[in-house]
Amino acid sequence: MRHHKLAVRGYLDQLVKAAGYPAVLADQLLILANGAMVTAAINGTPESARHARDAAEALLTAQREGP
């Protein structure tokens, strides 16, 4: 499992860097994804994935617009 998580983190890091965003965004997106998966497993619904997507969009918007 650790290998998979590191591989996903590396993939997100590549995407974030290629898009010109700061590296910390990859960590933030990974936390959202992990949280969504755990919450979906506990609740048995896909709703957490939608919430994580909305939160990811907010993070991307915040990075584009700056402080």
C-alpha atoms as a PDB file:
ATOM      1  CA  MET A   1       0.000   0.000   0.000  1.00  0.00           C
ATOM      2  CA  ARG A   2       2.825   2.417   0.829  1.00  0.00           C
ATOM      3  CA  HIS A   3       4.318   1.918  -2.634  1.00  0.00           C
ATOM      4  CA  HIS A   4       0.965   2.724  -4.252  1.00  0.00           C
ATOM      5  CA  LYS A   5       0.509   5.878  -2.155  1.00  0.00           C
ATOM      6  CA  LEU A   6       4.005   7.050  -3.074  1.00  0.00           C
ATOM      7  CA  ALA A   7       3.318   6.365  -6.745  1.00  0.00           C
ATOM      8  CA  VAL A   8       0.087   8.376  -6.619  1.00  0.00           C
ATOM      9  CA  ARG A   9       1.937  11.186  -4.832  1.00  0.00           C
ATOM     10  CA  GLY A  10       4.589  11.163  -7.561  1.00  0.00           C
ATOM     11  CA  TYR A  11       1.925  11.283 -10.270  1.00  0.00           C
ATOM     12  CA  LEU A  12       0.164  14.211  -8.610  1.00  0.00           C
ATOM     13  CA  ASP A  13       3.501  15.963  -8.182  1.00  0.00           C
ATOM     14  CA  GLN A  14       4.184  15.663 -11.920  1.00  0.00           C
ATOM     15  CA  LEU A  15       0.730  16.986 -12.824  1.00  0.00           C
ATOM     16  CA  VAL A  16       0.977  19.904 -10.413  1.00  0.00           C
ATOM     17  CA  LYS A  17       4.449  20.909 -11.593  1.00  0.00           C
ATOM     18  CA  ALA A  18       3.492  20.583 -15.270  1.00  0.00           C
ATOM     19  CA  ALA A  19       0.540  22.908 -14.644  1.00  0.00           C
ATOM     20  CA  GLY A  20       2.791  25.439 -12.913  1.00  0.00           C
ATOM     21  CA  TYR A  21       1.327  25.092  -9.429  1.00  0.00           C
ATOM     22  CA  PRO A  22       3.402  24.898  -6.216  1.00  0.00           C
ATOM     23  CA  ALA A  23       4.438  21.418  -5.076  1.00  0.00           C
ATOM     24  CA  VAL A  24       2.409  21.700  -1.861  1.00  0.00           C
ATOM     25  CA  LEU A  25      -0.749  21.385  -3.967  1.00  0.00           C
ATOM     26  CA  ALA A  26       0.123  17.745  -4.698  1.00  0.00           C
ATOM     27  CA  ASP A  27       0.158  17.004  -0.968  1.00  0.00           C
ATOM     28  CA  GLN A  28      -3.148  18.796  -0.490  1.00  0.00           C
ATOM     29  CA  LEU A  29      -4.780  16.872  -3.326  1.00  0.00           C
ATOM     30  CA  LEU A  30      -3.439  13.575  -2.007  1.00  0.00           C
ATOM     31  CA  ILE A  31      -4.901  14.301   1.420  1.00  0.00           C
ATOM     32  CA  LEU A  32      -8.265  15.019  -0.203  1.00  0.00           C
ATOM     33  CA  ALA A  33      -8.143  11.803  -2.223  1.00  0.00           C
ATOM     34  CA  ASN A  34      -7.148   9.673   0.760  1.00  0.00           C
ATOM     35  CA  GLY A  35      -9.814  11.245   2.936  1.00  0.00           C
ATOM     36  CA  ALA A  36     -12.459  10.711   0.278  1.00  0.00           C
ATOM     37  CA  MET A  37     -11.561   7.035  -0.085  1.00  0.00           C
ATOM     38  CA  VAL A  38     -11.648   6.395   3.651  1.00  0.00           C
ATOM     39  CA  THR A  39     -14.905   8.302   4.084  1.00  0.00           C
ATOM     40  CA  ALA A  40     -16.512   6.467   1.160  1.00  0.00           C
ATOM     41  CA  ALA A  41     -15.468   3.135   2.658  1.00  0.00           C
ATOM     42  CA  ILE A  42     -16.957   4.063   6.029  1.00  0.00           C
ATOM     43  CA  ASN A  43     -20.169   5.612   4.720  1.00  0.00           C
ATOM     44  CA  GLY A  44     -20.648   3.310   1.750  1.00  0.00           C
ATOM     45  CA  THR A  45     -21.577   6.195  -0.553  1.00  0.00           C
ATOM     46  CA  PRO A  46     -19.765   8.072  -3.336  1.00  0.00           C
ATOM     47  CA  GLU A  47     -20.722  11.456  -1.877  1.00  0.00           C
ATOM     48  CA  SER A  48     -17.262  12.002  -0.373  1.00  0.00           C
ATOM     49  CA  ALA A  49     -15.698  11.836  -3.845  1.00  0.00           C
ATOM     50  CA  ARG A  50     -17.925  14.687  -4.990  1.00  0.00           C
ATOM     51  CA  HIS A  51     -17.027  16.719  -1.919  1.00  0.00           C
ATOM     52  CA  ALA A  52     -13.323  16.062  -2.474  1.00  0.00           C
ATOM     53  CA  ARG A  53     -13.653  17.134  -6.115  1.00  0.00           C
ATOM     54  CA  ASP A  54     -15.319  20.377  -5.027  1.00  0.00           C
ATOM     55  CA  ALA A  55     -12.570  20.986  -2.474  1.00  0.00           C
ATOM     56  CA  ALA A  56      -9.898  20.274  -5.106  1.00  0.00           C
ATOM     57  CA  GLU A  57     -11.521  22.791  -7.437  1.00  0.00           C
ATOM     58  CA  ALA A  58     -11.451  25.355  -4.619  1.00  0.00           C
ATOM     59  CA  LEU A  59      -7.746  24.667  -4.028  1.00  0.00           C
ATOM     60  CA  LEU A  60      -6.985  25.085  -7.729  1.00  0.00           C
ATOM     61  CA  THR A  61      -8.973  28.311  -7.897  1.00  0.00           C
ATOM     62  CA  ALA A  62      -7.178  29.660  -4.838  1.00  0.00           C
ATOM     63  CA  GLN A  63      -3.800  28.848  -6.399  1.00  0.00           C
ATOM     64  CA  ARG A  64      -4.760  30.558  -9.671  1.00  0.00           C
ATOM     65  CA  GLU A  65      -6.111  33.673  -7.996  1.00  0.00           C
ATOM     66  CA  GLY A  66      -3.380  33.934  -5.373  1.00  0.00           C
ATOM     67  CA  PRO A  67      -3.641  35.446  -1.898  1.00  0.00           C
END
